Amino acid sequence: MLTLDGSRGGGQILRTALSLPLVTGKPFRMTDIRGKRPKPGLKRQHLTCVQAALEIGDGSADGVELNSRELVFHPGSLHADAHHHHHLVKKKILSFIETLARQLRSYNLSASCGHSFASCERG
């Protein structure tokens, strides 16, 4: 299992870390999440992002709670209807969907899912 040090990053490292297992199928562990921030750990916007990834990828995770400083994410299988989440997420976590879309396009998975992920818009 890939282990990531989350101490130096913020939400972007978490969003990127969540998108990659959805494409590769490989789990990860992130330790010391936002460890160098004044208020370390997962905040509400991060939890929303984790929940979206869990639903999109039918996965499981440990440490999905407010202020958690460690997360273990196990992806399942990618749902073909995952694109509907861009309507449900808030502006701050939309970059998660954009990151996922870039990954899906680079692996050409959008064609196999039958949906286009390029329609994500900032709102």
PDB file of N, CA and C in Angstrom:
ATOM      1  N   MET A   1       0.848  -1.183   0.000  1.00  0.00           N
ATOM      2  CA  MET A   1       0.000   0.000   0.000  1.00  0.00           C
ATOM      3  C   MET A   1       0.891   1.242   0.000  1.00  0.00           C
ATOM      4  N   LEU A   2       0.516   2.189  -0.834  1.00  0.00           N
ATOM      5  CA  LEU A   2       1.241   3.447  -0.915  1.00  0.00           C
ATOM      6  C   LEU A   2       0.945   4.265   0.330  1.00  0.00           C
ATOM      7  N   THR A   3       1.995   4.799   0.966  1.00  0.00           N
ATOM      8  CA  THR A   3       1.827   5.674   2.123  1.00  0.00           C
ATOM      9  C   THR A   3       2.289   7.066   1.752  1.00  0.00           C
ATOM     10  N   LEU A   4       1.424   8.046   1.990  1.00  0.00           N
ATOM     11  CA  LEU A   4       1.707   9.433   1.655  1.00  0.00           C
ATOM     12  C   LEU A   4       1.823  10.267   2.919  1.00  0.00           C
ATOM     13  N   ASP A   5       2.787  11.171   2.933  1.00  0.00           N
ATOM     14  CA  ASP A   5       2.955  12.104   4.038  1.00  0.00           C
ATOM     15  C   ASP A   5       2.136  13.346   3.723  1.00  0.00           C
ATOM     16  N   GLY A   6       1.062  13.556   4.459  1.00  0.00           N
ATOM     17  CA  GLY A   6       0.196  14.697   4.214  1.00  0.00           C
ATOM     18  C   GLY A   6       0.564  15.937   4.980  1.00  0.00           C
ATOM     19  N   SER A   7       1.691  15.924   5.688  1.00  0.00           N
ATOM     20  CA  SER A   7       2.045  17.041   6.557  1.00  0.00           C
ATOM     21  C   SER A   7       2.371  18.323   5.797  1.00  0.00           C
ATOM     22  N   ARG A   8       2.886  18.216   4.604  1.00  0.00           N
ATOM     23  CA  ARG A   8       3.304  19.404   3.863  1.00  0.00           C
ATOM     24  C   ARG A   8       2.217  19.974   2.969  1.00  0.00           C
ATOM     25  N   GLY A   9       1.149  19.241   2.796  1.00  0.00           N
ATOM     26  CA  GLY A   9       0.132  19.679   1.852  1.00  0.00           C
ATOM     27  C   GLY A   9      -1.150  20.101   2.519  1.00  0.00           C
ATOM     28  N   GLY A  10      -2.081  20.467   1.659  1.00  0.00           N
ATOM     29  CA  GLY A  10      -3.421  20.826   2.087  1.00  0.00           C
ATOM     30  C   GLY A  10      -4.416  19.946   1.374  1.00  0.00           C
ATOM     31  N   GLY A  11      -5.520  20.542   0.969  1.00  0.00           N
ATOM     32  CA  GLY A  11      -6.577  19.800   0.316  1.00  0.00           C
ATOM     33  C   GLY A  11      -6.211  19.243  -1.044  1.00  0.00           C
ATOM     34  N   GLN A  12      -5.332  19.936  -1.786  1.00  0.00           N
ATOM     35  CA  GLN A  12      -5.010  19.479  -3.135  1.00  0.00           C
ATOM     36  C   GLN A  12      -4.323  18.119  -3.124  1.00  0.00           C
ATOM     37  N   ILE A  13      -3.410  17.888  -2.211  1.00  0.00           N
ATOM     38  CA  ILE A  13      -2.738  16.584  -2.153  1.00  0.00           C
ATOM     39  C   ILE A  13      -3.751  15.485  -1.826  1.00  0.00           C
ATOM     40  N   LEU A  14      -4.719  15.787  -0.981  1.00  0.00           N
ATOM     41  CA  LEU A  14      -5.756  14.812  -0.656  1.00  0.00           C
ATOM     42  C   LEU A  14      -6.625  14.531  -1.875  1.00  0.00           C
ATOM     43  N   ARG A  15      -7.064  15.570  -2.582  1.00  0.00           N
ATOM     44  CA  ARG A  15      -7.910  15.375  -3.763  1.00  0.00           C
ATOM     45  C   ARG A  15      -7.185  14.563  -4.828  1.00  0.00           C
ATOM     46  N   THR A  16      -5.922  14.868  -5.042  1.00  0.00           N
ATOM     47  CA  THR A  16      -5.148  14.110  -6.027  1.00  0.00           C
ATOM     48  C   THR A  16      -4.991  12.666  -5.578  1.00  0.00           C
ATOM     49  N   ALA A  17      -4.689  12.481  -4.294  1.00  0.00           N
ATOM     50  CA  ALA A  17      -4.533  11.125  -3.760  1.00  0.00           C
ATOM     51  C   ALA A  17      -5.819  10.326  -3.896  1.00  0.00           C
ATOM     52  N   LEU A  18      -6.965  10.976  -3.749  1.00  0.00           N
ATOM     53  CA  LEU A  18      -8.248  10.278  -3.870  1.00  0.00           C
ATOM     54  C   LEU A  18      -8.582   9.928  -5.313  1.00  0.00           C
ATOM     55  N   SER A  19      -8.143  10.737  -6.259  1.00  0.00           N
ATOM     56  CA  SER A  19      -8.491  10.466  -7.657  1.00  0.00           C
ATOM     57  C   SER A  19      -7.681   9.316  -8.245  1.00  0.00           C
ATOM     58  N   LEU A  20      -6.442   9.186  -7.853  1.00  0.00           N
ATOM     59  CA  LEU A  20      -5.583   8.157  -8.455  1.00  0.00           C
ATOM     60  C   LEU A  20      -6.052   6.728  -8.180  1.00  0.00           C
ATOM     61  N   PRO A  21      -6.459   6.369  -6.966  1.00  0.00           N
ATOM     62  CA  PRO A  21      -6.933   5.003  -6.739  1.00  0.00           C
ATOM     63  C   PRO A  21      -8.187   4.665  -7.538  1.00  0.00           C
ATOM     64  N   LEU A  22      -8.982   5.671  -7.862  1.00  0.00           N
ATOM     65  CA  LEU A  22     -10.178   5.416  -8.658  1.00  0.00           C
ATOM     66  C   LEU A  22      -9.811   4.965 -10.062  1.00  0.00           C
ATOM     67  N   VAL A  23      -8.625   5.362 -10.517  1.00  0.00           N
ATOM     68  CA  VAL A  23      -8.154   4.976 -11.839  1.00  0.00           C
ATOM     69  C   VAL A  23      -7.303   3.711 -11.768  1.00  0.00           C
ATOM     70  N   THR A  24      -6.414   3.647 -10.762  1.00  0.00           N
ATOM     71  CA  THR A  24      -5.466   2.535 -10.682  1.00  0.00           C
ATOM     72  C   THR A  24      -5.995   1.331  -9.917  1.00  0.00           C
ATOM     73  N   GLY A  25      -6.966   1.545  -9.025  1.00  0.00           N
ATOM     74  CA  GLY A  25      -7.473   0.465  -8.195  1.00  0.00           C
ATOM     75  C   GLY A  25      -6.585   0.155  -7.001  1.00  0.00           C
ATOM     76  N   LYS A  26      -5.554   0.968  -6.768  1.00  0.00           N
ATOM     77  CA  LYS A  26      -4.602   0.727  -5.668  1.00  0.00           C
ATOM     78  C   LYS A  26      -4.968   1.590  -4.453  1.00  0.00           C
ATOM     79  N   PRO A  27      -4.987   1.008  -3.255  1.00  0.00           N
ATOM     80  CA  PRO A  27      -5.300   1.774  -2.042  1.00  0.00           C
ATOM     81  C   PRO A  27      -4.129   2.650  -1.607  1.00  0.00           C
ATOM     82  N   PHE A  28      -4.407   3.582  -0.704  1.00  0.00           N
ATOM     83  CA  PHE A  28      -3.343   4.403  -0.129  1.00  0.00           C
ATOM     84  C   PHE A  28      -3.655   4.714   1.332  1.00  0.00           C
ATOM     85  N   ARG A  29      -2.605   5.102   2.033  1.00  0.00           N
ATOM     86  CA  ARG A  29      -2.703   5.595   3.410  1.00  0.00           C
ATOM     87  C   ARG A  29      -2.059   6.972   3.415  1.00  0.00           C
ATOM     88  N   MET A  30      -2.762   7.959   3.960  1.00  0.00           N
ATOM     89  CA  MET A  30      -2.178   9.277   4.126  1.00  0.00           C
ATOM     90  C   MET A  30      -2.055   9.539   5.618  1.00  0.00           C
ATOM     91  N   THR A  31      -0.854   9.892   6.033  1.00  0.00           N
ATOM     92  CA  THR A  31      -0.589  10.159   7.439  1.00  0.00           C
ATOM     93  C   THR A  31      -0.339  11.651   7.647  1.00  0.00           C
ATOM     94  N   ASP A  32      -0.519  12.098   8.849  1.00  0.00           N
ATOM     95  CA  ASP A  32      -0.265  13.487   9.255  1.00  0.00           C
ATOM     96  C   ASP A  32      -0.925  14.481   8.305  1.00  0.00           C
ATOM     97  N   ILE A  33      -2.201  14.266   8.023  1.00  0.00           N
ATOM     98  CA  ILE A  33      -2.942  15.093   7.072  1.00  0.00           C
ATOM     99  C   ILE A  33      -2.971  16.544   7.536  1.00  0.00           C
ATOM    100  N   ARG A  34      -2.511  17.421   6.650  1.00  0.00           N
ATOM    101  CA  ARG A  34      -2.461  18.861   6.916  1.00  0.00           C
ATOM    102  C   ARG A  34      -1.729  19.141   8.227  1.00  0.00           C
ATOM    103  N   GLY A  35      -0.701  18.335   8.496  1.00  0.00           N
ATOM    104  CA  GLY A  35      -0.001  18.371   9.780  1.00  0.00           C
ATOM    105  C   GLY A  35       0.681  19.672  10.125  1.00  0.00           C
ATOM    106  N   LYS A  36       1.072  20.442   9.139  1.00  0.00           N
ATOM    107  CA  LYS A  36       1.768  21.710   9.409  1.00  0.00           C
ATOM    108  C   LYS A  36       0.827  22.904   9.344  1.00  0.00           C
ATOM    109  N   ARG A  37      -0.456  22.647   9.243  1.00  0.00           N
ATOM    110  CA  ARG A  37      -1.446  23.725   9.220  1.00  0.00           C
ATOM    111  C   ARG A  37      -1.803  24.109  10.652  1.00  0.00           C
ATOM    112  N   PRO A  38      -2.270  25.344  10.855  1.00  0.00           N
ATOM    113  CA  PRO A  38      -2.671  25.752  12.215  1.00  0.00           C
ATOM    114  C   PRO A  38      -3.759  24.842  12.801  1.00  0.00           C
ATOM    115  N   LYS A  39      -4.658  24.363  11.951  1.00  0.00           N
ATOM    116  CA  LYS A  39      -5.707  23.427  12.383  1.00  0.00           C
ATOM    117  C   LYS A  39      -5.573  22.173  11.520  1.00  0.00           C
ATOM    118  N   PRO A  40      -4.719  21.236  11.937  1.00  0.00           N
ATOM    119  CA  PRO A  40      -4.457  20.043  11.112  1.00  0.00           C
ATOM    120  C   PRO A  40      -5.645  19.091  11.059  1.00  0.00           C
ATOM    121  N   GLY A  41      -5.531  18.139  10.157  1.00  0.00           N
ATOM    122  CA  GLY A  41      -6.548  17.103  10.028  1.00  0.00           C
ATOM    123  C   GLY A  41      -7.593  17.429   8.978  1.00  0.00           C
ATOM    124  N   LEU A  42      -8.505  16.489   8.782  1.00  0.00           N
ATOM    125  CA  LEU A  42      -9.567  16.638   7.793  1.00  0.00           C
ATOM    126  C   LEU A  42     -10.620  17.636   8.273  1.00  0.00           C
ATOM    127  N   LYS A  43     -10.987  18.544   7.408  1.00  0.00           N
ATOM    128  CA  LYS A  43     -12.069  19.493   7.684  1.00  0.00           C
ATOM    129  C   LYS A  43     -13.293  19.071   6.879  1.00  0.00           C
ATOM    130  N   ARG A  44     -14.382  19.776   7.055  1.00  0.00           N
ATOM    131  CA  ARG A  44     -15.651  19.377   6.417  1.00  0.00           C
ATOM    132  C   ARG A  44     -15.529  19.251   4.896  1.00  0.00           C
ATOM    133  N   GLN A  45     -14.853  20.204   4.250  1.00  0.00           N
ATOM    134  CA  GLN A  45     -14.733  20.141   2.795  1.00  0.00           C
ATOM    135  C   GLN A  45     -13.925  18.925   2.360  1.00  0.00           C
ATOM    136  N   HIS A  46     -12.959  18.500   3.179  1.00  0.00           N
ATOM    137  CA  HIS A  46     -12.172  17.310   2.858  1.00  0.00           C
ATOM    138  C   HIS A  46     -13.013  16.051   3.032  1.00  0.00           C
ATOM    139  N   LEU A  47     -13.839  16.033   4.073  1.00  0.00           N
ATOM    140  CA  LEU A  47     -14.716  14.883   4.299  1.00  0.00           C
ATOM    141  C   LEU A  47     -15.715  14.726   3.154  1.00  0.00           C
ATOM    142  N   THR A  48     -16.220  15.848   2.657  1.00  0.00           N
ATOM    143  CA  THR A  48     -17.139  15.806   1.520  1.00  0.00           C
ATOM    144  C   THR A  48     -16.451  15.206   0.306  1.00  0.00           C
ATOM    145  N   CYS A  49     -15.210  15.585   0.100  1.00  0.00           N
ATOM    146  CA  CYS A  49     -14.427  15.066  -1.017  1.00  0.00           C
ATOM    147  C   CYS A  49     -14.199  13.554  -0.861  1.00  0.00           C
ATOM    148  N   VAL A  50     -13.861  13.110   0.330  1.00  0.00           N
ATOM    149  CA  VAL A  50     -13.652  11.678   0.590  1.00  0.00           C
ATOM    150  C   VAL A  50     -14.956  10.919   0.359  1.00  0.00           C
ATOM    151  N   GLN A  51     -16.065  11.470   0.848  1.00  0.00           N
ATOM    152  CA  GLN A  51     -17.359  10.808   0.665  1.00  0.00           C
ATOM    153  C   GLN A  51     -17.715  10.690  -0.817  1.00  0.00           C
ATOM    154  N   ALA A  52     -17.432  11.723  -1.594  1.00  0.00           N
ATOM    155  CA  ALA A  52     -17.700  11.673  -3.031  1.00  0.00           C
ATOM    156  C   ALA A  52     -16.861  10.587  -3.691  1.00  0.00           C
ATOM    157  N   ALA A  53     -15.582  10.509  -3.326  1.00  0.00           N
ATOM    158  CA  ALA A  53     -14.701   9.478  -3.896  1.00  0.00           C
ATOM    159  C   ALA A  53     -15.179   8.081  -3.504  1.00  0.00           C
ATOM    160  N   LEU A  54     -15.643   7.933  -2.273  1.00  0.00           N
ATOM    161  CA  LEU A  54     -16.153   6.635  -1.827  1.00  0.00           C
ATOM    162  C   LEU A  54     -17.378   6.231  -2.637  1.00  0.00           C
ATOM    163  N   GLU A  55     -18.259   7.185  -2.883  1.00  0.00           N
ATOM    164  CA  GLU A  55     -19.465   6.871  -3.634  1.00  0.00           C
ATOM    165  C   GLU A  55     -19.160   6.624  -5.106  1.00  0.00           C
ATOM    166  N   ILE A  56     -18.307   7.454  -5.682  1.00  0.00           N
ATOM    167  CA  ILE A  56     -17.941   7.290  -7.089  1.00  0.00           C
ATOM    168  C   ILE A  56     -17.264   5.941  -7.306  1.00  0.00           C
ATOM    169  N   GLY A  57     -16.343   5.604  -6.407  1.00  0.00           N
ATOM    170  CA  GLY A  57     -15.562   4.386  -6.585  1.00  0.00           C
ATOM    171  C   GLY A  57     -16.034   3.196  -5.795  1.00  0.00           C
ATOM    172  N   ASP A  58     -17.202   3.301  -5.125  1.00  0.00           N
ATOM    173  CA  ASP A  58     -17.735   2.199  -4.340  1.00  0.00           C
ATOM    174  C   ASP A  58     -16.658   1.616  -3.427  1.00  0.00           C
ATOM    175  N   GLY A  59     -15.930   2.523  -2.753  1.00  0.00           N
ATOM    176  CA  GLY A  59     -14.808   2.099  -1.934  1.00  0.00           C
ATOM    177  C   GLY A  59     -15.118   2.072  -0.455  1.00  0.00           C
ATOM    178  N   SER A  60     -14.068   1.901   0.325  1.00  0.00           N
ATOM    179  CA  SER A  60     -14.169   1.939   1.780  1.00  0.00           C
ATOM    180  C   SER A  60     -12.978   2.722   2.311  1.00  0.00           C
ATOM    181  N   ALA A  61     -13.129   3.254   3.512  1.00  0.00           N
ATOM    182  CA  ALA A  61     -12.049   4.050   4.092  1.00  0.00           C
ATOM    183  C   ALA A  61     -12.124   4.018   5.607  1.00  0.00           C
ATOM    184  N   ASP A  62     -10.968   4.172   6.219  1.00  0.00           N
ATOM    185  CA  ASP A  62     -10.862   4.325   7.667  1.00  0.00           C
ATOM    186  C   ASP A  62     -10.340   5.729   7.932  1.00  0.00           C
ATOM    187  N   GLY A  63     -10.809   6.351   8.998  1.00  0.00           N
ATOM    188  CA  GLY A  63     -10.338   7.684   9.368  1.00  0.00           C
ATOM    189  C   GLY A  63     -11.159   8.800   8.755  1.00  0.00           C
ATOM    190  N   VAL A  64     -12.366   8.494   8.312  1.00  0.00           N
ATOM    191  CA  VAL A  64     -13.215   9.509   7.691  1.00  0.00           C
ATOM    192  C   VAL A  64     -14.023  10.191   8.791  1.00  0.00           C
ATOM    193  N   GLU A  65     -13.373  11.115   9.473  1.00  0.00           N
ATOM    194  CA  GLU A  65     -14.026  11.864  10.535  1.00  0.00           C
ATOM    195  C   GLU A  65     -13.344  13.218  10.688  1.00  0.00           C
ATOM    196  N   LEU A  66     -14.069  14.172  11.197  1.00  0.00           N
ATOM    197  CA  LEU A  66     -13.574  15.523  11.375  1.00  0.00           C
ATOM    198  C   LEU A  66     -12.288  15.521  12.202  1.00  0.00           C
ATOM    199  N   ASN A  67     -11.289  16.223  11.719  1.00  0.00           N
ATOM    200  CA  ASN A  67      -9.974  16.394  12.357  1.00  0.00           C
ATOM    201  C   ASN A  67      -9.091  15.150  12.320  1.00  0.00           C
ATOM    202  N   SER A  68      -9.517  14.112  11.635  1.00  0.00           N
ATOM    203  CA  SER A  68      -8.683  12.917  11.511  1.00  0.00           C
ATOM    204  C   SER A  68      -7.381  13.287  10.806  1.00  0.00           C
ATOM    205  N   ARG A  69      -6.273  12.759  11.290  1.00  0.00           N
ATOM    206  CA  ARG A  69      -4.972  13.050  10.696  1.00  0.00           C
ATOM    207  C   ARG A  69      -4.437  11.869   9.901  1.00  0.00           C
ATOM    208  N   GLU A  70      -5.215  10.808   9.814  1.00  0.00           N
ATOM    209  CA  GLU A  70      -4.819   9.652   9.003  1.00  0.00           C
ATOM    210  C   GLU A  70      -6.035   9.112   8.263  1.00  0.00           C
ATOM    211  N   LEU A  71      -5.812   8.747   7.003  1.00  0.00           N
ATOM    212  CA  LEU A  71      -6.870   8.212   6.166  1.00  0.00           C
ATOM    213  C   LEU A  71      -6.327   7.008   5.415  1.00  0.00           C
ATOM    214  N   VAL A  72      -7.091   5.931   5.401  1.00  0.00           N
ATOM    215  CA  VAL A  72      -6.774   4.757   4.583  1.00  0.00           C
ATOM    216  C   VAL A  72      -7.934   4.598   3.613  1.00  0.00           C
ATOM    217  N   PHE A  73      -7.641   4.627   2.315  1.00  0.00           N
ATOM    218  CA  PHE A  73      -8.655   4.593   1.271  1.00  0.00           C
ATOM    219  C   PHE A  73      -8.466   3.358   0.411  1.00  0.00           C
ATOM    220  N   HIS A  74      -9.532   2.561   0.297  1.00  0.00           N
ATOM    221  CA  HIS A  74      -9.541   1.358  -0.538  1.00  0.00           C
ATOM    222  C   HIS A  74     -10.587   1.561  -1.631  1.00  0.00           C
ATOM    223  N   PRO A  75     -10.158   1.711  -2.890  1.00  0.00           N
ATOM    224  CA  PRO A  75     -11.138   1.908  -3.953  1.00  0.00           C
ATOM    225  C   PRO A  75     -11.855   0.612  -4.295  1.00  0.00           C
ATOM    226  N   GLY A  76     -13.068   0.757  -4.785  1.00  0.00           N
ATOM    227  CA  GLY A  76     -13.818  -0.375  -5.323  1.00  0.00           C
ATOM    228  C   GLY A  76     -13.791  -0.264  -6.836  1.00  0.00           C
ATOM    229  N   SER A  77     -14.950  -0.373  -7.449  1.00  0.00           N
ATOM    230  CA  SER A  77     -15.030  -0.229  -8.905  1.00  0.00           C
ATOM    231  C   SER A  77     -15.693   1.097  -9.241  1.00  0.00           C
ATOM    232  N   LEU A  78     -15.227   1.732 -10.284  1.00  0.00           N
ATOM    233  CA  LEU A  78     -15.722   3.034 -10.704  1.00  0.00           C
ATOM    234  C   LEU A  78     -17.133   2.909 -11.257  1.00  0.00           C
ATOM    235  N   HIS A  79     -18.043   3.743 -10.752  1.00  0.00           N
ATOM    236  CA  HIS A  79     -19.428   3.741 -11.241  1.00  0.00           C
ATOM    237  C   HIS A  79     -19.526   4.536 -12.525  1.00  0.00           C
ATOM    238  N   ALA A  80     -20.278   4.038 -13.468  1.00  0.00           N
ATOM    239  CA  ALA A  80     -20.468   4.727 -14.744  1.00  0.00           C
ATOM    240  C   ALA A  80     -21.208   6.048 -14.575  1.00  0.00           C
ATOM    241  N   ASP A  81     -21.997   6.207 -13.515  1.00  0.00           N
ATOM    242  CA  ASP A  81     -22.750   7.447 -13.332  1.00  0.00           C
ATOM    243  C   ASP A  81     -22.039   8.438 -12.434  1.00  0.00           C
ATOM    244  N   ALA A  82     -20.731   8.315 -12.296  1.00  0.00           N
ATOM    245  CA  ALA A  82     -19.961   9.168 -11.392  1.00  0.00           C
ATOM    246  C   ALA A  82     -20.022  10.640 -11.761  1.00  0.00           C
ATOM    247  N   HIS A  83     -20.290  10.951 -13.014  1.00  0.00           N
ATOM    248  CA  HIS A  83     -20.281  12.342 -13.455  1.00  0.00           C
ATOM    249  C   HIS A  83     -21.334  13.196 -12.756  1.00  0.00           C
ATOM    250  N   HIS A  84     -22.357  12.606 -12.149  1.00  0.00           N
ATOM    251  CA  HIS A  84     -23.397  13.415 -11.521  1.00  0.00           C
ATOM    252  C   HIS A  84     -22.890  14.182 -10.305  1.00  0.00           C
ATOM    253  N   HIS A  85     -21.741  13.813  -9.766  1.00  0.00           N
ATOM    254  CA  HIS A  85     -21.235  14.470  -8.565  1.00  0.00           C
ATOM    255  C   HIS A  85     -20.831  15.916  -8.791  1.00  0.00           C
ATOM    256  N   HIS A  86     -20.534  16.300 -10.033  1.00  0.00           N
ATOM    257  CA  HIS A  86     -20.137  17.689 -10.225  1.00  0.00           C
ATOM    258  C   HIS A  86     -21.296  18.640  -9.938  1.00  0.00           C
ATOM    259  N   HIS A  87     -22.515  18.150  -9.884  1.00  0.00           N
ATOM    260  CA  HIS A  87     -23.659  18.977  -9.520  1.00  0.00           C
ATOM    261  C   HIS A  87     -23.841  19.045  -7.997  1.00  0.00           C
ATOM    262  N   LEU A  88     -23.247  18.127  -7.269  1.00  0.00           N
ATOM    263  CA  LEU A  88     -23.480  18.022  -5.838  1.00  0.00           C
ATOM    264  C   LEU A  88     -22.388  18.643  -4.974  1.00  0.00           C
ATOM    265  N   VAL A  89     -21.205  18.798  -5.512  1.00  0.00           N
ATOM    266  CA  VAL A  89     -20.099  19.276  -4.703  1.00  0.00           C
ATOM    267  C   VAL A  89     -20.044  20.791  -4.675  1.00  0.00           C
ATOM    268  N   LYS A  90     -19.422  21.332  -3.655  1.00  0.00           N
ATOM    269  CA  LYS A  90     -19.268  22.769  -3.519  1.00  0.00           C
ATOM    270  C   LYS A  90     -18.064  23.244  -4.310  1.00  0.00           C
ATOM    271  N   LYS A  91     -17.966  24.549  -4.492  1.00  0.00           N
ATOM    272  CA  LYS A  91     -16.908  25.140  -5.305  1.00  0.00           C
ATOM    273  C   LYS A  91     -15.512  24.740  -4.828  1.00  0.00           C
ATOM    274  N   LYS A  92     -15.300  24.642  -3.542  1.00  0.00           N
ATOM    275  CA  LYS A  92     -13.969  24.355  -3.014  1.00  0.00           C
ATOM    276  C   LYS A  92     -13.477  22.953  -3.337  1.00  0.00           C
ATOM    277  N   ILE A  93     -14.377  22.006  -3.556  1.00  0.00           N
ATOM    278  CA  ILE A  93     -13.913  20.650  -3.858  1.00  0.00           C
ATOM    279  C   ILE A  93     -14.093  20.286  -5.325  1.00  0.00           C
ATOM    280  N   LEU A  94     -14.503  21.227  -6.136  1.00  0.00           N
ATOM    281  CA  LEU A  94     -14.674  20.935  -7.557  1.00  0.00           C
ATOM    282  C   LEU A  94     -13.346  20.559  -8.213  1.00  0.00           C
ATOM    283  N   SER A  95     -12.256  21.034  -7.676  1.00  0.00           N
ATOM    284  CA  SER A  95     -10.961  20.653  -8.247  1.00  0.00           C
ATOM    285  C   SER A  95     -10.725  19.147  -8.123  1.00  0.00           C
ATOM    286  N   PHE A  96     -11.362  18.488  -7.156  1.00  0.00           N
ATOM    287  CA  PHE A  96     -11.289  17.021  -7.069  1.00  0.00           C
ATOM    288  C   PHE A  96     -11.857  16.399  -8.342  1.00  0.00           C
ATOM    289  N   ILE A  97     -13.014  16.864  -8.748  1.00  0.00           N
ATOM    290  CA  ILE A  97     -13.654  16.328  -9.941  1.00  0.00           C
ATOM    291  C   ILE A  97     -12.804  16.639 -11.173  1.00  0.00           C
ATOM    292  N   GLU A  98     -12.250  17.843 -11.229  1.00  0.00           N
ATOM    293  CA  GLU A  98     -11.396  18.207 -12.359  1.00  0.00           C
ATOM    294  C   GLU A  98     -10.162  17.321 -12.402  1.00  0.00           C
ATOM    295  N   THR A  99      -9.576  17.043 -11.252  1.00  0.00           N
ATOM    296  CA  THR A  99      -8.425  16.149 -11.194  1.00  0.00           C
ATOM    297  C   THR A  99      -8.813  14.759 -11.659  1.00  0.00           C
ATOM    298  N   LEU A 100      -9.959  14.289 -11.198  1.00  0.00           N
ATOM    299  CA  LEU A 100     -10.447  12.983 -11.621  1.00  0.00           C
ATOM    300  C   LEU A 100     -10.676  12.958 -13.133  1.00  0.00           C
ATOM    301  N   ALA A 101     -11.264  14.017 -13.655  1.00  0.00           N
ATOM    302  CA  ALA A 101     -11.529  14.080 -15.094  1.00  0.00           C
ATOM    303  C   ALA A 101     -10.234  14.018 -15.891  1.00  0.00           C
ATOM    304  N   ARG A 102      -9.210  14.742 -15.448  1.00  0.00           N
ATOM    305  CA  ARG A 102      -7.917  14.694 -16.153  1.00  0.00           C
ATOM    306  C   ARG A 102      -7.352  13.285 -16.127  1.00  0.00           C
ATOM    307  N   GLN A 103      -7.449  12.613 -14.982  1.00  0.00           N
ATOM    308  CA  GLN A 103      -6.936  11.259 -14.876  1.00  0.00           C
ATOM    309  C   GLN A 103      -7.712  10.306 -15.778  1.00  0.00           C
ATOM    310  N   LEU A 104      -9.030  10.445 -15.783  1.00  0.00           N
ATOM    311  CA  LEU A 104      -9.851   9.569 -16.620  1.00  0.00           C
ATOM    312  C   LEU A 104      -9.549   9.778 -18.101  1.00  0.00           C
ATOM    313  N   ARG A 105      -9.394  11.035 -18.506  1.00  0.00           N
ATOM    314  CA  ARG A 105      -9.065  11.301 -19.911  1.00  0.00           C
ATOM    315  C   ARG A 105      -7.706  10.723 -20.263  1.00  0.00           C
ATOM    316  N   SER A 106      -6.741  10.841 -19.347  1.00  0.00           N
ATOM    317  CA  SER A 106      -5.403  10.338 -19.660  1.00  0.00           C
ATOM    318  C   SER A 106      -5.387   8.817 -19.771  1.00  0.00           C
ATOM    319  N   TYR A 107      -6.289   8.142 -19.095  1.00  0.00           N
ATOM    320  CA  TYR A 107      -6.391   6.683 -19.189  1.00  0.00           C
ATOM    321  C   TYR A 107      -7.494   6.256 -20.150  1.00  0.00           C
ATOM    322  N   ASN A 108      -8.174   7.246 -20.777  1.00  0.00           N
ATOM    323  CA  ASN A 108      -9.246   6.997 -21.732  1.00  0.00           C
ATOM    324  C   ASN A 108     -10.375   6.158 -21.119  1.00  0.00           C
ATOM    325  N   LEU A 109     -10.639   6.358 -19.839  1.00  0.00           N
ATOM    326  CA  LEU A 109     -11.711   5.618 -19.185  1.00  0.00           C
ATOM    327  C   LEU A 109     -13.071   6.243 -19.420  1.00  0.00           C
ATOM    328  N   SER A 110     -13.106   7.523 -19.771  1.00  0.00           N
ATOM    329  CA  SER A 110     -14.417   8.139 -19.981  1.00  0.00           C
ATOM    330  C   SER A 110     -15.146   7.447 -21.114  1.00  0.00           C
ATOM    331  N   ALA A 111     -14.433   7.002 -22.144  1.00  0.00           N
ATOM    332  CA  ALA A 111     -15.080   6.308 -23.257  1.00  0.00           C
ATOM    333  C   ALA A 111     -15.631   4.963 -22.804  1.00  0.00           C
ATOM    334  N   SER A 112     -14.892   4.241 -21.965  1.00  0.00           N
ATOM    335  CA  SER A 112     -15.366   2.928 -21.535  1.00  0.00           C
ATOM    336  C   SER A 112     -16.526   3.036 -20.551  1.00  0.00           C
ATOM    337  N   CYS A 113     -16.620   4.171 -19.849  1.00  0.00           N
ATOM    338  CA  CYS A 113     -17.742   4.378 -18.926  1.00  0.00           C
ATOM    339  C   CYS A 113     -18.977   4.868 -19.658  1.00  0.00           C
ATOM    340  N   GLY A 114     -18.800   5.355 -20.874  1.00  0.00           N
ATOM    341  CA  GLY A 114     -19.935   5.846 -21.625  1.00  0.00           C
ATOM    342  C   GLY A 114     -20.371   7.245 -21.278  1.00  0.00           C
ATOM    343  N   HIS A 115     -19.550   7.991 -20.540  1.00  0.00           N
ATOM    344  CA  HIS A 115     -19.893   9.349 -20.151  1.00  0.00           C
ATOM    345  C   HIS A 115     -18.709  10.254 -20.385  1.00  0.00           C
ATOM    346  N   SER A 116     -19.001  11.512 -20.604  1.00  0.00           N
ATOM    347  CA  SER A 116     -17.946  12.503 -20.745  1.00  0.00           C
ATOM    348  C   SER A 116     -17.778  13.231 -19.418  1.00  0.00           C
ATOM    349  N   PHE A 117     -16.562  13.308 -18.944  1.00  0.00           N
ATOM    350  CA  PHE A 117     -16.273  14.001 -17.698  1.00  0.00           C
ATOM    351  C   PHE A 117     -15.755  15.401 -17.966  1.00  0.00           C
ATOM    352  N   ALA A 118     -15.731  15.822 -19.222  1.00  0.00           N
ATOM    353  CA  ALA A 118     -15.185  17.120 -19.588  1.00  0.00           C
ATOM    354  C   ALA A 118     -16.178  18.244 -19.340  1.00  0.00           C
ATOM    355  N   SER A 119     -17.391  17.941 -18.933  1.00  0.00           N
ATOM    356  CA  SER A 119     -18.400  18.973 -18.777  1.00  0.00           C
ATOM    357  C   SER A 119     -18.428  19.600 -17.389  1.00  0.00           C
ATOM    358  N   CYS A 120     -17.470  19.277 -16.529  1.00  0.00           N
ATOM    359  CA  CYS A 120     -17.422  19.880 -15.192  1.00  0.00           C
ATOM    360  C   CYS A 120     -17.195  21.369 -15.334  1.00  0.00           C
ATOM    361  N   GLU A 121     -18.036  22.160 -14.674  1.00  0.00           N
ATOM    362  CA  GLU A 121     -17.927  23.610 -14.766  1.00  0.00           C
ATOM    363  C   GLU A 121     -17.809  24.188 -13.371  1.00  0.00           C
ATOM    364  N   ARG A 122     -17.077  25.274 -13.270  1.00  0.00           N
ATOM    365  CA  ARG A 122     -17.009  25.988 -11.993  1.00  0.00           C
ATOM    366  C   ARG A 122     -18.294  26.772 -11.823  1.00  0.00           C
ATOM    367  N   GLY A 123     -18.824  26.759 -10.596  1.00  0.00           N
ATOM    368  CA  GLY A 123     -20.065  27.495 -10.389  1.00  0.00           C
ATOM    369  C   GLY A 123     -20.050  28.290  -9.137  1.00  0.00           C
TER     370      GLY A 123
END
